[in-house]
N, C-alpha and C. Protein backbone atom coordinates (compact mmCIF):
# COMPACT_ATOMS: atom_id res chain seq x y z
N MET A 1 106.54 113.65 110.57
CA MET A 1 105.79 114.89 110.36
C MET A 1 104.47 114.54 109.67
N PRO A 2 103.31 114.79 110.28
CA PRO A 2 102.03 114.42 109.69
C PRO A 2 101.55 115.49 108.70
N VAL A 3 101.90 115.34 107.45
CA VAL A 3 101.46 116.29 106.43
C VAL A 3 100.35 115.62 105.64
N GLN A 4 99.19 116.25 105.65
CA GLN A 4 98.06 115.68 104.93
C GLN A 4 97.95 116.28 103.54
N HIS A 5 97.36 115.48 102.66
CA HIS A 5 97.04 115.94 101.31
C HIS A 5 98.26 116.42 100.52
N ILE A 6 99.31 115.63 100.52
CA ILE A 6 100.46 115.98 99.70
C ILE A 6 100.18 115.47 98.30
N PHE A 7 99.87 116.37 97.43
CA PHE A 7 99.54 116.01 96.06
C PHE A 7 99.75 117.23 95.18
N LEU A 8 99.71 117.00 93.91
CA LEU A 8 99.76 118.09 92.95
C LEU A 8 98.39 118.18 92.28
N GLN A 9 97.96 119.38 92.02
CA GLN A 9 96.73 119.55 91.27
C GLN A 9 96.85 120.79 90.42
N LYS A 10 96.03 120.87 89.39
CA LYS A 10 96.05 122.04 88.53
C LYS A 10 95.17 123.13 89.12
N ASP A 11 95.64 124.35 89.03
CA ASP A 11 94.82 125.46 89.49
C ASP A 11 93.96 125.95 88.33
N GLU A 12 93.25 127.05 88.55
CA GLU A 12 92.32 127.54 87.53
C GLU A 12 93.00 127.95 86.23
N THR A 13 94.30 128.18 86.24
CA THR A 13 95.02 128.54 85.02
C THR A 13 95.57 127.31 84.30
N GLY A 14 95.40 126.12 84.90
CA GLY A 14 95.92 124.91 84.29
C GLY A 14 97.34 124.59 84.73
N GLN A 15 97.91 125.41 85.60
CA GLN A 15 99.26 125.17 86.10
C GLN A 15 99.21 124.18 87.25
N LEU A 16 100.23 123.35 87.36
CA LEU A 16 100.29 122.43 88.50
C LEU A 16 100.53 123.22 89.76
N ARG A 17 99.81 122.85 90.80
CA ARG A 17 99.95 123.50 92.10
C ARG A 17 100.38 122.44 93.10
N ASP A 18 101.36 122.74 93.84
CA ASP A 18 101.94 121.81 94.80
C ASP A 18 101.25 121.99 96.15
N ALA A 19 100.61 120.96 96.66
CA ALA A 19 99.86 121.05 97.91
C ALA A 19 100.73 121.31 99.11
N ARG A 20 102.03 121.10 98.98
CA ARG A 20 102.92 121.42 100.11
C ARG A 20 102.83 122.90 100.44
N GLU A 21 102.47 123.72 99.46
CA GLU A 21 102.32 125.16 99.70
C GLU A 21 101.26 125.44 100.75
N ARG A 22 100.27 124.53 100.87
CA ARG A 22 99.18 124.73 101.83
C ARG A 22 99.60 124.50 103.27
N VAL A 23 100.72 123.80 103.49
CA VAL A 23 101.13 123.47 104.85
C VAL A 23 102.47 124.08 105.23
N VAL A 24 103.04 124.89 104.35
CA VAL A 24 104.38 125.43 104.61
C VAL A 24 104.41 126.32 105.85
N THR A 25 103.31 126.97 106.20
CA THR A 25 103.27 127.80 107.40
C THR A 25 103.42 126.93 108.65
N GLN A 26 102.71 125.79 108.66
CA GLN A 26 102.80 124.90 109.82
C GLN A 26 104.09 124.10 109.81
N TYR A 27 104.59 123.76 108.62
CA TYR A 27 105.79 122.93 108.46
C TYR A 27 106.76 123.63 107.51
N PRO A 28 107.54 124.59 108.00
CA PRO A 28 108.42 125.36 107.12
C PRO A 28 109.41 124.52 106.33
N ASP A 29 109.73 123.34 106.81
CA ASP A 29 110.69 122.48 106.10
C ASP A 29 110.02 121.44 105.21
N VAL A 30 108.74 121.63 104.92
CA VAL A 30 108.01 120.63 104.14
C VAL A 30 108.65 120.37 102.77
N PHE A 31 109.22 121.40 102.14
CA PHE A 31 109.83 121.21 100.81
C PHE A 31 111.13 120.42 100.89
N GLU A 32 111.80 120.49 102.03
CA GLU A 32 113.02 119.70 102.21
C GLU A 32 112.71 118.27 102.61
N LYS A 33 111.68 118.08 103.45
CA LYS A 33 111.40 116.75 103.99
C LYS A 33 110.51 115.90 103.09
N ILE A 34 109.60 116.53 102.35
CA ILE A 34 108.68 115.79 101.49
C ILE A 34 109.06 116.07 100.04
N LYS A 35 109.48 115.03 99.35
CA LYS A 35 109.90 115.16 97.96
C LYS A 35 108.91 114.45 97.05
N ILE A 36 108.64 115.03 95.92
CA ILE A 36 107.79 114.41 94.91
C ILE A 36 108.67 113.46 94.12
N ILE A 37 108.29 112.19 94.14
CA ILE A 37 109.11 111.21 93.43
C ILE A 37 108.46 110.73 92.13
N ALA A 38 107.16 111.00 91.97
CA ALA A 38 106.48 110.59 90.74
C ALA A 38 105.14 111.30 90.66
N LEU A 39 104.63 111.42 89.47
CA LEU A 39 103.29 111.97 89.24
C LEU A 39 102.44 110.88 88.60
N THR A 40 101.17 110.89 88.91
CA THR A 40 100.25 109.93 88.32
C THR A 40 99.25 110.67 87.43
N ASP A 41 98.47 109.89 86.73
CA ASP A 41 97.31 110.48 86.07
C ASP A 41 96.37 110.96 87.16
N PRO A 42 95.45 111.85 86.84
CA PRO A 42 94.52 112.34 87.87
C PRO A 42 93.76 111.19 88.53
N ILE A 43 93.58 111.30 89.84
CA ILE A 43 92.84 110.32 90.62
C ILE A 43 91.71 111.07 91.33
N PRO A 44 90.46 110.61 91.16
CA PRO A 44 89.37 111.29 91.87
C PRO A 44 89.60 111.21 93.38
N ASN A 45 89.26 112.27 94.06
CA ASN A 45 89.37 112.25 95.51
C ASN A 45 88.15 112.92 96.12
N ASP A 46 87.99 112.77 97.41
CA ASP A 46 86.85 113.31 98.14
C ASP A 46 85.53 112.91 97.50
N PRO A 47 85.31 111.60 97.31
CA PRO A 47 84.07 111.17 96.65
C PRO A 47 82.85 111.34 97.54
N VAL A 48 81.71 111.47 96.89
CA VAL A 48 80.42 111.40 97.57
C VAL A 48 80.02 109.94 97.48
N ILE A 49 79.82 109.30 98.61
CA ILE A 49 79.55 107.87 98.66
C ILE A 49 78.20 107.63 99.33
N PHE A 50 77.47 106.69 98.76
CA PHE A 50 76.17 106.33 99.31
C PHE A 50 76.18 104.88 99.79
N ARG A 51 75.39 104.59 100.78
CA ARG A 51 75.25 103.19 101.20
C ARG A 51 74.43 102.44 100.14
N ARG A 52 74.66 101.17 100.04
CA ARG A 52 74.02 100.34 99.00
C ARG A 52 72.50 100.41 99.05
N GLU A 53 71.95 100.45 100.24
CA GLU A 53 70.50 100.38 100.40
C GLU A 53 69.76 101.66 100.00
N LEU A 54 70.49 102.75 99.83
CA LEU A 54 69.84 104.01 99.47
C LEU A 54 69.25 103.88 98.07
N PRO A 55 67.99 104.22 97.89
CA PRO A 55 67.37 104.09 96.56
C PRO A 55 68.10 104.94 95.51
N GLU A 56 68.21 104.40 94.30
CA GLU A 56 68.88 105.10 93.20
C GLU A 56 68.27 106.48 92.96
N GLU A 57 66.97 106.60 93.09
CA GLU A 57 66.30 107.88 92.89
C GLU A 57 66.82 108.93 93.88
N MET A 58 67.02 108.51 95.12
CA MET A 58 67.53 109.43 96.15
C MET A 58 68.98 109.81 95.83
N LYS A 59 69.80 108.84 95.43
CA LYS A 59 71.18 109.13 95.05
C LYS A 59 71.22 110.16 93.93
N THR A 60 70.39 109.94 92.92
CA THR A 60 70.35 110.85 91.77
C THR A 60 69.95 112.25 92.21
N LYS A 61 68.94 112.35 93.06
CA LYS A 61 68.48 113.67 93.53
C LYS A 61 69.58 114.39 94.31
N ILE A 62 70.31 113.66 95.15
CA ILE A 62 71.37 114.27 95.95
C ILE A 62 72.49 114.77 95.05
N VAL A 63 72.92 113.94 94.10
CA VAL A 63 73.99 114.34 93.18
C VAL A 63 73.55 115.55 92.36
N GLU A 64 72.35 115.51 91.82
CA GLU A 64 71.86 116.65 91.03
C GLU A 64 71.80 117.93 91.86
N ALA A 65 71.37 117.82 93.12
CA ALA A 65 71.29 119.00 93.99
C ALA A 65 72.69 119.55 94.28
N LEU A 66 73.65 118.66 94.56
CA LEU A 66 75.02 119.12 94.82
C LEU A 66 75.60 119.81 93.59
N LEU A 67 75.43 119.19 92.42
CA LEU A 67 75.97 119.79 91.19
C LEU A 67 75.30 121.13 90.88
N LYS A 68 74.00 121.21 91.12
CA LYS A 68 73.28 122.47 90.89
C LYS A 68 73.79 123.55 91.85
N PHE A 69 73.97 123.19 93.13
CA PHE A 69 74.43 124.15 94.12
C PHE A 69 75.84 124.66 93.79
N VAL A 70 76.76 123.76 93.45
CA VAL A 70 78.13 124.20 93.20
C VAL A 70 78.28 124.91 91.86
N ALA A 71 77.23 124.93 91.07
CA ALA A 71 77.25 125.70 89.82
C ALA A 71 76.92 127.17 90.08
N THR A 72 76.49 127.50 91.31
CA THR A 72 76.17 128.89 91.66
C THR A 72 77.39 129.55 92.29
N PRO A 73 77.47 130.87 92.23
CA PRO A 73 78.60 131.55 92.88
C PRO A 73 78.72 131.23 94.37
N SER A 74 77.59 131.21 95.09
CA SER A 74 77.68 130.90 96.53
C SER A 74 78.08 129.45 96.74
N GLY A 75 77.63 128.56 95.89
CA GLY A 75 78.03 127.15 96.00
C GLY A 75 79.50 126.96 95.71
N GLN A 76 80.00 127.67 94.70
CA GLN A 76 81.43 127.58 94.39
C GLN A 76 82.27 128.12 95.54
N GLU A 77 81.82 129.22 96.13
CA GLU A 77 82.57 129.80 97.25
C GLU A 77 82.57 128.85 98.44
N ALA A 78 81.41 128.28 98.75
CA ALA A 78 81.32 127.35 99.88
C ALA A 78 82.19 126.12 99.65
N LEU A 79 82.16 125.56 98.47
CA LEU A 79 82.96 124.38 98.16
C LEU A 79 84.44 124.68 98.31
N HIS A 80 84.85 125.83 97.82
CA HIS A 80 86.27 126.21 97.92
C HIS A 80 86.66 126.51 99.36
N ARG A 81 85.79 127.21 100.08
CA ARG A 81 86.10 127.59 101.47
C ARG A 81 86.16 126.36 102.38
N ILE A 82 85.24 125.44 102.21
CA ILE A 82 85.17 124.28 103.10
C ILE A 82 86.18 123.20 102.71
N TYR A 83 86.30 122.91 101.40
CA TYR A 83 87.12 121.78 100.96
C TYR A 83 88.33 122.18 100.13
N ASN A 84 88.48 123.46 99.82
CA ASN A 84 89.54 123.92 98.91
C ASN A 84 89.45 123.17 97.57
N VAL A 85 88.22 123.03 97.10
CA VAL A 85 87.93 122.34 95.84
C VAL A 85 87.23 123.33 94.93
N LYS A 86 87.56 123.26 93.65
CA LYS A 86 86.98 124.20 92.68
C LYS A 86 85.70 123.67 92.02
N GLN A 87 85.58 122.33 91.92
CA GLN A 87 84.40 121.79 91.23
C GLN A 87 84.15 120.35 91.65
N LEU A 88 82.92 119.91 91.40
CA LEU A 88 82.56 118.51 91.57
C LEU A 88 82.38 117.93 90.17
N ILE A 89 82.85 116.72 89.98
CA ILE A 89 82.77 116.07 88.67
C ILE A 89 82.17 114.69 88.86
N PRO A 90 81.09 114.38 88.16
CA PRO A 90 80.55 113.02 88.26
C PRO A 90 81.60 112.01 87.78
N THR A 91 81.73 110.92 88.53
CA THR A 91 82.69 109.88 88.17
C THR A 91 82.01 108.52 88.21
N THR A 92 82.73 107.54 87.70
CA THR A 92 82.27 106.16 87.77
C THR A 92 83.36 105.34 88.42
N ASP A 93 83.06 104.11 88.71
CA ASP A 93 84.05 103.22 89.30
C ASP A 93 85.29 103.11 88.42
N LYS A 94 85.10 103.17 87.11
CA LYS A 94 86.21 103.06 86.16
C LYS A 94 87.23 104.19 86.34
N ASP A 95 86.79 105.34 86.81
CA ASP A 95 87.71 106.46 87.03
C ASP A 95 88.76 106.17 88.10
N TYR A 96 88.54 105.14 88.89
CA TYR A 96 89.50 104.74 89.92
C TYR A 96 90.49 103.68 89.44
N ASP A 97 90.37 103.27 88.17
CA ASP A 97 91.29 102.26 87.63
C ASP A 97 92.74 102.69 87.71
N VAL A 98 93.03 103.98 87.52
CA VAL A 98 94.41 104.46 87.61
C VAL A 98 94.97 104.23 89.01
N LEU A 99 94.14 104.42 90.02
CA LEU A 99 94.58 104.16 91.40
C LEU A 99 94.78 102.67 91.62
N ARG A 100 93.86 101.87 91.11
CA ARG A 100 94.02 100.41 91.25
C ARG A 100 95.32 99.94 90.61
N LYS A 101 95.65 100.49 89.45
CA LYS A 101 96.89 100.10 88.76
C LYS A 101 98.11 100.48 89.58
N ILE A 102 98.10 101.67 90.15
CA ILE A 102 99.22 102.10 91.00
C ILE A 102 99.38 101.14 92.18
N LEU A 103 98.29 100.82 92.83
CA LEU A 103 98.35 99.91 93.97
C LEU A 103 98.83 98.52 93.55
N ASP A 104 98.39 98.05 92.39
CA ASP A 104 98.89 96.77 91.88
C ASP A 104 100.38 96.85 91.58
N ASP A 105 100.81 97.95 90.96
CA ASP A 105 102.22 98.11 90.58
C ASP A 105 103.15 98.06 91.79
N ILE A 106 102.68 98.55 92.92
CA ILE A 106 103.54 98.54 94.12
C ILE A 106 103.19 97.36 95.04
N ASN A 107 102.32 96.48 94.54
CA ASN A 107 101.94 95.27 95.28
C ASN A 107 101.30 95.62 96.62
N PHE A 108 100.49 96.67 96.63
CA PHE A 108 99.82 97.11 97.86
C PHE A 108 98.52 96.33 98.02
N LYS A 109 98.32 95.78 99.18
CA LYS A 109 97.09 95.05 99.50
C LYS A 109 96.30 95.84 100.53
N ILE A 110 95.08 96.18 100.19
CA ILE A 110 94.25 96.99 101.09
C ILE A 110 93.93 96.23 102.37
N GLU A 111 93.78 94.91 102.25
CA GLU A 111 93.53 94.10 103.44
C GLU A 111 94.72 94.27 104.39
N GLY A 112 94.44 94.53 105.62
CA GLY A 112 95.50 94.70 106.61
C GLY A 112 96.00 96.13 106.69
N ALA A 113 95.69 96.96 105.71
CA ALA A 113 96.15 98.35 105.74
C ALA A 113 95.17 99.23 106.51
N LEU A 114 93.96 98.75 106.66
CA LEU A 114 92.94 99.56 107.35
C LEU A 114 92.86 99.19 108.79
């Protein structure tokens, strides 16, 4: 069963929200077939990525424009409608260390997985 985005996230009240709820209409047995076996620390997802050659000034302008747009009511609505995301948060490479640790813990090698 191809269920995408099976994860837990906090909603606007701070309560954990189970992403299986988003696919239960298409997959009524999702709660029986997909079980949560562990929770991790938050992991950034849906990153904005730039190619190396793009000038830093351009990267900064794009990030600032995105953050400014999603700070508006119409930007928040668009972000939620298109991506089901409530906010954008600037991150650094270090923010992915929790994911790297998980992959190391399970001895997962990215080479060959792609």
